Amino acid sequence: MTYNAKDRFYKQAKQDRYAARSVYKLEELDHRYGLFKRGQQIVDLGCAPGSWLQFLAEKVGKKGLVLGYDIAPAQVTPAPPATWKVADVYELTPTAVLTDLYTLRHGEPPPDPEAPPPMKVDAVVSDMAPKLTGIRDADQARSVELQSEALRLAEALVKPGGFFVAKLFQGRDTDEFVKRVKDFYKEAKLLKPEATREGSREVFLLARGKRAAKGLASPTERRR
């Protein structure tokens, strides 16, 4: 199915000076559920080109923190205190994220980067997507694989009561992934924001009410 690459959301993003139209998917979730507030600390996975970073920086304000990661550089310089780093989620550990959060907050690394002071975030949001092959089942499986890594980090980093947002390609593995998420959150649902392109299998999982943490995930832990 063909689609209009320069649809109204694309044009609106240009007008609002956002890096990409995908910002309006996150904005809709926020509008419907009141997710983001002043002073929050957010980890943004798959942050390039940077529209989510821009939006989140506006929402959390100067007393909050937004830390983004992607294998590609972001194309924006978000307002402080938001920043981004190039990183592969498969290699990213909770300890590394805590070290980066401490550095962002205090302006210098922790005394012991291998054992940074514990810090919890309000949410992990993930717009990660695999490089598409055109093979539906393979692309969907890779999507779940990526978001399993996001869930691994969220399990360790999100504070009790916090939330998790993840983009998925809907398919045969999606329901099983939602069940796994419900082990850690009181509520999990799939949503399709208006800005999603027509005919796309893309959905967003919103999980709220993080259950009490079970401890820091192992740095070597990967897919469950």
Protein backbone atom coordinates (compact mmCIF):
# COMPACT_ATOMS: atom_id res chain seq x y z
CA MET A 1 0.00 0.00 0.00
CA THR A 2 1.36 3.46 -0.91
CA TYR A 3 1.16 6.33 1.50
CA ASN A 4 1.64 10.08 1.43
CA ALA A 5 5.09 10.71 2.89
CA LYS A 6 4.25 14.40 3.31
CA ASP A 7 0.87 14.06 5.00
CA ARG A 8 -0.65 16.55 7.43
CA PHE A 9 1.40 15.21 10.34
CA TYR A 10 4.62 15.65 8.36
CA LYS A 11 3.63 19.21 7.51
CA GLN A 12 2.61 19.92 11.10
CA ALA A 13 5.98 18.63 12.37
CA LYS A 14 7.77 21.01 9.99
CA GLN A 15 5.60 23.89 11.19
CA ASP A 16 6.15 23.01 14.86
CA ARG A 17 9.89 22.43 14.25
CA TYR A 18 9.91 18.83 15.37
CA ALA A 19 12.44 16.42 13.87
CA ALA A 20 9.77 13.91 12.77
CA ARG A 21 6.02 13.35 12.53
CA SER A 22 6.26 10.50 15.06
CA VAL A 23 6.10 13.08 17.84
CA TYR A 24 2.32 13.27 17.42
CA LYS A 25 1.93 9.59 18.34
CA LEU A 26 3.57 10.27 21.70
CA GLU A 27 1.69 13.53 22.10
CA GLU A 28 -1.63 11.73 21.62
CA LEU A 29 -0.77 9.12 24.25
CA ASP A 30 0.16 11.92 26.63
CA HIS A 31 -3.04 13.84 25.88
CA ARG A 32 -5.22 10.79 26.49
CA TYR A 33 -3.49 9.45 29.60
CA GLY A 34 -1.63 12.39 31.15
CA LEU A 35 1.70 10.59 31.16
CA PHE A 36 4.36 13.30 31.25
CA LYS A 37 4.82 15.92 33.97
CA ARG A 38 7.29 18.48 35.22
CA GLY A 39 10.30 17.09 37.01
CA GLN A 40 10.08 13.54 35.62
CA GLN A 41 13.09 11.47 34.59
CA ILE A 42 12.59 9.65 31.26
CA VAL A 43 14.74 7.25 29.23
CA ASP A 44 13.99 7.41 25.48
CA LEU A 45 15.16 4.39 23.44
CA GLY A 46 15.37 4.68 19.65
CA CYS A 47 15.42 8.45 20.05
CA ALA A 48 16.73 9.46 16.59
CA PRO A 49 16.00 11.67 14.79
CA GLY A 50 14.90 13.38 18.01
CA SER A 51 11.27 14.53 17.97
CA TRP A 52 10.42 12.56 21.11
CA LEU A 53 13.42 14.13 22.87
CA GLN A 54 12.16 17.57 21.90
CA PHE A 55 8.65 16.87 23.14
CA LEU A 56 9.78 15.23 26.38
CA ALA A 57 12.19 18.06 27.18
CA GLU A 58 9.28 20.50 26.91
CA LYS A 59 7.09 18.34 29.15
CA VAL A 60 9.51 17.61 32.01
CA GLY A 61 11.00 21.10 32.17
CA LYS A 62 14.32 22.20 33.62
CA LYS A 63 13.95 20.14 36.78
CA GLY A 64 13.43 16.91 34.86
CA LEU A 65 15.80 14.67 32.90
CA VAL A 66 15.48 13.08 29.47
CA LEU A 67 18.18 10.68 28.30
CA GLY A 68 17.96 9.24 24.80
CA TYR A 69 19.81 6.36 23.13
CA ASP A 70 19.97 5.22 19.51
CA ILE A 71 22.38 3.45 17.17
CA ALA A 72 22.14 6.56 14.95
CA PRO A 73 22.85 10.15 16.01
CA ALA A 74 19.89 12.39 16.75
CA GLN A 75 19.40 15.31 14.40
CA VAL A 76 18.46 17.83 17.09
CA THR A 77 19.96 19.43 20.16
CA PRO A 78 17.09 19.19 22.65
CA ALA A 79 16.62 21.76 25.37
CA PRO A 80 18.43 20.97 28.64
CA PRO A 81 18.19 18.82 30.63
CA ALA A 82 17.64 16.43 27.70
CA THR A 83 20.50 14.78 25.87
CA TRP A 84 21.26 11.69 23.79
CA LYS A 85 24.02 9.14 23.27
CA VAL A 86 24.83 6.69 20.50
CA ALA A 87 24.44 3.17 21.89
CA ASP A 88 23.25 -0.30 20.90
CA VAL A 89 20.37 -1.42 23.11
CA TYR A 90 21.70 -5.00 23.03
CA GLU A 91 24.85 -3.76 24.77
CA LEU A 92 23.20 -1.20 27.03
CA THR A 93 23.10 -2.12 30.72
CA PRO A 94 21.14 -0.63 33.61
CA THR A 95 24.46 0.31 35.24
CA ALA A 96 25.51 2.27 32.14
CA VAL A 97 22.18 4.11 32.08
CA LEU A 98 22.45 4.95 35.78
CA THR A 99 25.97 6.29 35.22
CA ASP A 100 24.74 8.47 32.35
CA LEU A 101 21.78 9.73 34.38
CA TYR A 102 24.03 10.62 37.31
CA THR A 103 26.40 12.47 34.97
CA LEU A 104 23.53 14.34 33.35
CA ARG A 105 22.12 15.34 36.72
CA HIS A 106 25.38 16.31 38.44
CA GLY A 107 27.57 17.43 35.56
CA GLU A 108 30.25 14.85 36.31
CA PRO A 109 30.51 11.04 36.44
CA PRO A 110 29.77 9.19 39.70
CA PRO A 111 32.76 8.40 41.94
CA ASP A 112 32.51 4.73 40.93
CA PRO A 113 31.02 4.32 37.42
CA GLU A 114 30.86 0.56 37.93
CA ALA A 115 28.55 1.04 40.92
CA PRO A 116 26.64 4.32 40.43
CA PRO A 117 24.20 5.48 43.09
CA PRO A 118 20.76 3.98 42.52
CA MET A 119 18.32 6.19 40.66
CA LYS A 120 14.86 5.34 39.38
CA VAL A 121 13.16 6.86 36.38
CA ASP A 122 9.49 7.60 35.87
CA ALA A 123 9.34 5.87 32.50
CA VAL A 124 11.13 4.14 29.67
CA VAL A 125 9.70 5.00 26.26
CA SER A 126 10.81 3.15 23.16
CA ASP A 127 10.27 4.02 19.51
CA MET A 128 12.80 1.42 18.35
CA ALA A 129 12.11 -0.46 15.14
CA PRO A 130 14.13 -3.02 13.19
CA LYS A 131 15.50 -2.46 9.72
CA LEU A 132 12.64 -3.80 7.62
CA THR A 133 13.16 -6.79 5.36
CA GLY A 134 9.65 -6.89 3.91
CA ILE A 135 9.15 -10.35 5.40
CA ARG A 136 6.22 -9.75 7.72
CA ASP A 137 6.85 -12.43 10.35
CA ALA A 138 10.58 -11.72 10.48
CA ASP A 139 10.05 -7.97 10.89
CA GLN A 140 7.46 -8.53 13.60
CA ALA A 141 9.71 -10.95 15.48
CA ARG A 142 12.59 -8.46 15.38
CA SER A 143 10.27 -5.76 16.66
CA VAL A 144 9.36 -7.86 19.70
CA GLU A 145 13.02 -8.75 20.17
CA LEU A 146 14.00 -5.09 20.33
CA GLN A 147 11.22 -4.19 22.74
CA SER A 148 12.18 -7.13 24.94
CA GLU A 149 15.47 -5.30 25.44
CA ALA A 150 13.55 -2.14 26.31
CA LEU A 151 11.51 -4.14 28.83
CA ARG A 152 14.72 -5.54 30.33
CA LEU A 153 15.94 -2.02 31.02
CA ALA A 154 12.54 -0.81 32.20
CA GLU A 155 12.32 -3.66 34.68
CA ALA A 156 15.51 -2.44 36.34
CA LEU A 157 15.13 1.32 36.00
CA VAL A 158 11.46 2.32 36.27
CA LYS A 159 10.25 3.17 39.75
CA PRO A 160 7.14 1.53 41.28
CA GLY A 161 4.07 3.18 39.83
CA GLY A 162 5.95 4.28 36.70
CA PHE A 163 5.14 3.45 33.09
CA PHE A 164 6.52 1.94 29.89
CA VAL A 165 5.72 2.80 26.25
CA ALA A 166 6.90 0.64 23.34
CA LYS A 167 6.25 0.57 19.60
CA LEU A 168 5.50 -2.87 18.15
CA PHE A 169 4.57 -4.41 14.83
CA GLN A 170 1.43 -6.37 15.52
CA GLY A 171 1.67 -10.09 14.81
CA ARG A 172 1.71 -13.55 16.28
CA ASP A 173 4.20 -12.68 19.06
CA THR A 174 2.49 -9.49 20.21
CA ASP A 175 0.00 -11.03 22.65
CA GLU A 176 2.72 -13.06 24.34
CA PHE A 177 4.83 -9.95 24.77
CA VAL A 178 1.90 -8.07 26.33
CA LYS A 179 1.49 -10.95 28.80
CA ARG A 180 5.14 -10.63 29.78
CA VAL A 181 4.76 -6.91 30.31
CA LYS A 182 1.82 -7.56 32.64
CA ASP A 183 4.20 -9.46 34.95
CA PHE A 184 5.77 -6.08 35.74
CA TYR A 185 2.88 -3.63 35.31
CA LYS A 186 -0.63 -3.56 36.67
CA GLU A 187 -2.08 -2.49 33.32
CA ALA A 188 -0.96 -2.99 29.72
CA LYS A 189 -2.87 -2.16 26.53
CA LEU A 190 -2.25 -1.77 22.81
CA LEU A 191 -3.14 1.54 21.15
CA LYS A 192 -3.03 2.90 17.60
CA PRO A 193 -2.51 6.69 17.58
CA GLU A 194 -4.12 8.75 14.84
CA ALA A 195 -0.73 9.70 13.38
CA THR A 196 -0.02 6.04 12.53
CA ARG A 197 0.11 5.66 8.77
CA GLU A 198 -2.86 4.01 7.07
CA GLY A 199 -2.34 0.29 6.61
CA SER A 200 0.56 0.15 9.08
CA ARG A 201 0.78 -2.79 11.52
CA GLU A 202 2.41 -0.48 14.03
CA VAL A 203 0.84 -0.27 17.50
CA PHE A 204 1.96 1.20 20.79
CA LEU A 205 1.96 -0.66 24.05
CA LEU A 206 1.23 1.45 27.12
CA ALA A 207 1.94 -0.19 30.47
CA ARG A 208 1.17 1.67 33.69
CA GLY A 209 1.53 0.97 37.37
CA LYS A 210 4.98 -0.61 37.62
CA ARG A 211 5.04 -3.28 40.30
CA ALA A 212 7.67 -3.20 43.05
CA ALA A 213 11.13 -3.67 41.59
CA LYS A 214 12.81 -7.06 41.88
CA GLY A 215 16.31 -5.62 41.74
CA LEU A 216 18.77 -4.51 39.09
CA ALA A 217 18.78 -6.66 35.96
CA SER A 218 22.01 -8.47 35.24
CA PRO A 219 24.28 -6.55 32.82
CA THR A 220 24.51 -9.70 30.71
CA GLU A 221 20.79 -10.38 30.71
CA ARG A 222 19.21 -10.38 27.29
CA ARG A 223 15.91 -11.63 25.93
CA ARG A 224 13.78 -13.66 28.33
